[in-house]
């Protein structure tokens, strides 16, 4: 579930089937889905997210603000079934 500044309604992108491979892809293989060439976190002290909930391999919740400030963070929650 992802909430953004434009809507109080969560955005949902359900993945069908066994959620464990999706959880692993999201957490262990970030370079497979996040364009690291364009949006890599360099060693400049920038923090792009804070983990607010962690129950592998089922739940990951982040205060996600890549390239922005925590005040503009999205509430990103991945829940695998």
N, C-alpha and C. Protein backbone atom coordinates (compact mmCIF):
# COMPACT_ATOMS: atom_id res chain seq x y z
N UNK A 1 0.84 -1.15 0.00
CA UNK A 1 0.00 0.00 0.00
C UNK A 1 0.90 1.23 0.00
N UNK A 2 0.59 2.17 -0.83
CA UNK A 2 1.37 3.39 -0.96
C UNK A 2 0.42 4.57 -0.92
N UNK A 3 0.60 5.45 0.04
CA UNK A 3 -0.19 6.67 0.10
C UNK A 3 0.67 7.81 -0.39
N UNK A 4 0.06 8.77 -1.04
CA UNK A 4 0.85 9.89 -1.53
C UNK A 4 0.21 11.20 -1.13
N UNK A 5 0.91 12.29 -1.39
CA UNK A 5 0.45 13.61 -0.97
C UNK A 5 -0.79 14.07 -1.73
N UNK A 6 -1.11 13.44 -2.85
CA UNK A 6 -2.23 13.87 -3.67
C UNK A 6 -3.53 13.18 -3.29
N UNK A 7 -3.47 12.16 -2.49
CA UNK A 7 -4.67 11.41 -2.16
C UNK A 7 -4.51 10.78 -0.79
N UNK A 8 -5.60 10.74 -0.05
CA UNK A 8 -5.56 10.05 1.23
C UNK A 8 -5.85 8.57 1.04
N UNK A 9 -6.24 8.18 -0.17
CA UNK A 9 -6.52 6.78 -0.46
C UNK A 9 -5.23 6.06 -0.83
N UNK A 10 -5.03 4.85 -0.30
CA UNK A 10 -3.82 4.10 -0.66
C UNK A 10 -3.86 3.68 -2.12
N UNK A 11 -2.69 3.64 -2.72
CA UNK A 11 -2.54 3.07 -4.06
C UNK A 11 -2.20 1.60 -3.86
N UNK A 12 -2.86 0.74 -4.56
CA UNK A 12 -2.61 -0.69 -4.40
C UNK A 12 -2.16 -1.28 -5.72
N UNK A 13 -1.17 -2.14 -5.63
CA UNK A 13 -0.69 -2.86 -6.79
C UNK A 13 -0.53 -4.31 -6.36
N UNK A 14 -1.62 -5.05 -6.36
CA UNK A 14 -1.56 -6.42 -5.85
C UNK A 14 -0.74 -7.33 -6.76
N UNK A 15 0.07 -8.15 -6.15
CA UNK A 15 0.81 -9.19 -6.85
C UNK A 15 0.11 -10.50 -6.55
N UNK A 16 -0.20 -11.22 -7.55
CA UNK A 16 -0.93 -12.48 -7.38
C UNK A 16 0.05 -13.62 -7.13
N UNK A 17 -0.41 -14.60 -6.40
CA UNK A 17 0.39 -15.80 -6.16
C UNK A 17 1.16 -15.72 -4.87
N UNK A 18 2.16 -16.55 -4.76
CA UNK A 18 3.00 -16.62 -3.56
C UNK A 18 3.76 -15.31 -3.40
N UNK A 19 3.58 -14.66 -2.26
CA UNK A 19 4.20 -13.36 -2.04
C UNK A 19 5.67 -13.40 -1.68
N UNK A 20 6.19 -14.55 -1.26
CA UNK A 20 7.58 -14.60 -0.82
C UNK A 20 8.58 -14.21 -1.91
N UNK A 21 8.43 -14.68 -3.14
CA UNK A 21 9.38 -14.23 -4.17
C UNK A 21 9.30 -12.72 -4.40
N UNK A 22 8.12 -12.13 -4.30
CA UNK A 22 7.96 -10.70 -4.49
C UNK A 22 8.64 -9.94 -3.35
N UNK A 23 8.49 -10.43 -2.13
CA UNK A 23 9.12 -9.80 -0.97
C UNK A 23 10.63 -9.84 -1.14
N UNK A 24 11.15 -10.99 -1.54
CA UNK A 24 12.59 -11.14 -1.74
C UNK A 24 13.09 -10.22 -2.86
N UNK A 25 12.34 -10.14 -3.94
CA UNK A 25 12.73 -9.25 -5.04
C UNK A 25 12.79 -7.80 -4.54
N UNK A 26 11.79 -7.40 -3.78
CA UNK A 26 11.72 -6.02 -3.30
C UNK A 26 12.83 -5.72 -2.31
N UNK A 27 13.13 -6.64 -1.40
CA UNK A 27 14.09 -6.35 -0.32
C UNK A 27 15.52 -6.78 -0.64
N UNK A 28 15.70 -7.90 -1.32
CA UNK A 28 17.04 -8.43 -1.56
C UNK A 28 17.61 -8.03 -2.92
N UNK A 29 16.74 -7.69 -3.87
CA UNK A 29 17.21 -7.43 -5.23
C UNK A 29 16.70 -6.08 -5.73
N UNK A 30 16.90 -5.06 -4.93
CA UNK A 30 16.38 -3.74 -5.25
C UNK A 30 16.87 -3.24 -6.61
N UNK A 31 18.07 -3.60 -6.99
CA UNK A 31 18.61 -3.17 -8.28
C UNK A 31 17.88 -3.74 -9.47
N UNK A 32 17.07 -4.80 -9.26
CA UNK A 32 16.29 -5.37 -10.35
C UNK A 32 15.06 -4.53 -10.69
N UNK A 33 14.58 -3.72 -9.75
CA UNK A 33 13.38 -2.94 -10.02
C UNK A 33 13.58 -1.44 -9.82
N UNK A 34 14.58 -1.02 -9.08
CA UNK A 34 14.83 0.42 -8.87
C UNK A 34 15.97 0.83 -9.78
N UNK A 35 15.82 1.87 -10.59
CA UNK A 35 16.86 2.27 -11.54
C UNK A 35 18.08 2.89 -10.82
N UNK A 36 18.97 2.04 -10.35
CA UNK A 36 20.11 2.50 -9.57
C UNK A 36 21.02 3.45 -10.34
N UNK A 37 21.08 3.30 -11.64
CA UNK A 37 21.91 4.21 -12.43
C UNK A 37 21.44 5.65 -12.33
N UNK A 38 20.12 5.82 -12.21
CA UNK A 38 19.54 7.16 -12.11
C UNK A 38 19.29 7.61 -10.68
N UNK A 39 19.03 6.65 -9.80
CA UNK A 39 18.58 7.00 -8.45
C UNK A 39 19.34 6.26 -7.36
N UNK A 40 20.60 6.02 -7.58
CA UNK A 40 21.40 5.32 -6.58
C UNK A 40 21.64 6.22 -5.37
N UNK A 41 21.76 5.62 -4.23
CA UNK A 41 22.10 6.35 -3.01
C UNK A 41 23.62 6.35 -2.92
N UNK A 42 24.18 7.51 -3.05
CA UNK A 42 25.62 7.62 -2.99
C UNK A 42 26.05 7.90 -1.57
N UNK A 43 27.31 7.83 -1.32
CA UNK A 43 27.84 7.98 0.02
C UNK A 43 27.90 9.46 0.42
N UNK A 44 26.75 10.12 0.37
CA UNK A 44 26.71 11.53 0.74
C UNK A 44 25.91 11.76 2.02
N UNK A 45 25.53 10.67 2.69
CA UNK A 45 24.78 10.77 3.93
C UNK A 45 23.28 10.92 3.75
N UNK A 46 22.81 10.90 2.49
CA UNK A 46 21.38 11.03 2.24
C UNK A 46 20.64 9.78 2.69
N UNK A 47 19.57 9.98 3.41
CA UNK A 47 18.70 8.87 3.83
C UNK A 47 17.42 8.97 3.02
N UNK A 48 17.07 7.89 2.35
CA UNK A 48 15.91 7.89 1.47
C UNK A 48 14.69 7.24 2.08
N UNK A 49 14.88 6.50 3.16
CA UNK A 49 13.74 5.82 3.77
C UNK A 49 14.09 5.42 5.19
N UNK A 50 13.05 5.26 5.98
CA UNK A 50 13.18 4.68 7.31
C UNK A 50 12.27 3.46 7.36
N UNK A 51 12.78 2.37 7.88
CA UNK A 51 11.97 1.16 8.04
C UNK A 51 11.11 1.36 9.28
N UNK A 52 9.80 1.27 9.10
CA UNK A 52 8.88 1.47 10.21
C UNK A 52 8.21 0.18 10.66
N UNK A 53 8.31 -0.86 9.84
CA UNK A 53 7.77 -2.18 10.20
C UNK A 53 8.53 -3.23 9.40
N UNK A 54 8.94 -4.30 10.07
CA UNK A 54 9.76 -5.33 9.41
C UNK A 54 9.42 -6.70 10.00
N UNK A 55 8.74 -7.52 9.20
CA UNK A 55 8.39 -8.89 9.59
C UNK A 55 8.61 -9.80 8.38
N UNK A 56 9.89 -10.08 8.04
CA UNK A 56 10.15 -10.90 6.86
C UNK A 56 9.65 -12.33 7.06
N UNK A 57 9.18 -12.97 6.03
CA UNK A 57 9.05 -12.52 4.64
C UNK A 57 7.65 -12.02 4.32
N UNK A 58 6.99 -11.40 5.26
CA UNK A 58 5.60 -11.00 5.05
C UNK A 58 5.35 -9.50 4.96
N UNK A 59 5.98 -8.70 5.80
CA UNK A 59 5.64 -7.27 5.86
C UNK A 59 6.89 -6.41 5.88
N UNK A 60 6.87 -5.38 5.05
CA UNK A 60 7.87 -4.33 5.08
C UNK A 60 7.12 -3.01 4.93
N UNK A 61 7.39 -2.09 5.83
CA UNK A 61 6.78 -0.76 5.75
C UNK A 61 7.87 0.28 5.85
N UNK A 62 7.82 1.25 4.95
CA UNK A 62 8.84 2.29 4.89
C UNK A 62 8.21 3.68 4.90
N UNK A 63 8.90 4.61 5.48
CA UNK A 63 8.65 6.02 5.24
C UNK A 63 9.61 6.35 4.10
N UNK A 64 9.10 6.40 2.87
CA UNK A 64 9.88 6.38 1.63
C UNK A 64 9.95 7.79 1.02
N UNK A 65 11.15 8.34 0.91
CA UNK A 65 11.30 9.69 0.36
C UNK A 65 12.57 9.81 -0.47
N UNK A 66 12.72 8.98 -1.50
CA UNK A 66 13.94 9.04 -2.32
C UNK A 66 14.07 10.39 -3.01
N UNK A 67 15.21 11.00 -2.82
CA UNK A 67 15.47 12.28 -3.46
C UNK A 67 14.70 13.44 -2.86
N UNK A 68 14.08 13.23 -1.72
CA UNK A 68 13.28 14.27 -1.10
C UNK A 68 13.52 14.27 0.40
N UNK A 69 12.70 15.02 1.11
CA UNK A 69 12.83 15.09 2.56
C UNK A 69 11.78 14.22 3.23
N UNK A 70 11.99 13.93 4.48
CA UNK A 70 11.07 13.09 5.24
C UNK A 70 9.68 13.73 5.31
N UNK A 71 9.60 15.04 5.23
CA UNK A 71 8.30 15.71 5.25
C UNK A 71 7.45 15.36 4.03
N UNK A 72 8.09 14.93 2.96
CA UNK A 72 7.37 14.56 1.74
C UNK A 72 7.31 13.05 1.55
N UNK A 73 7.52 12.31 2.60
CA UNK A 73 7.60 10.84 2.52
C UNK A 73 6.25 10.21 2.19
N UNK A 74 6.33 9.12 1.47
CA UNK A 74 5.17 8.27 1.22
C UNK A 74 5.21 7.13 2.23
N UNK A 75 4.07 6.66 2.61
CA UNK A 75 3.96 5.50 3.49
C UNK A 75 3.85 4.28 2.59
N UNK A 76 4.94 3.56 2.43
CA UNK A 76 4.98 2.41 1.54
C UNK A 76 4.92 1.14 2.40
N UNK A 77 3.93 0.31 2.15
CA UNK A 77 3.80 -0.94 2.89
C UNK A 77 3.67 -2.09 1.90
N UNK A 78 4.55 -3.05 2.04
CA UNK A 78 4.50 -4.26 1.24
C UNK A 78 4.07 -5.39 2.15
N UNK A 79 3.00 -6.05 1.76
CA UNK A 79 2.49 -7.17 2.55
C UNK A 79 2.34 -8.36 1.62
N UNK A 80 3.06 -9.41 1.89
CA UNK A 80 3.00 -10.63 1.07
C UNK A 80 2.09 -11.64 1.76
N UNK A 81 1.34 -12.35 0.96
CA UNK A 81 0.43 -13.37 1.50
C UNK A 81 0.90 -14.73 1.11
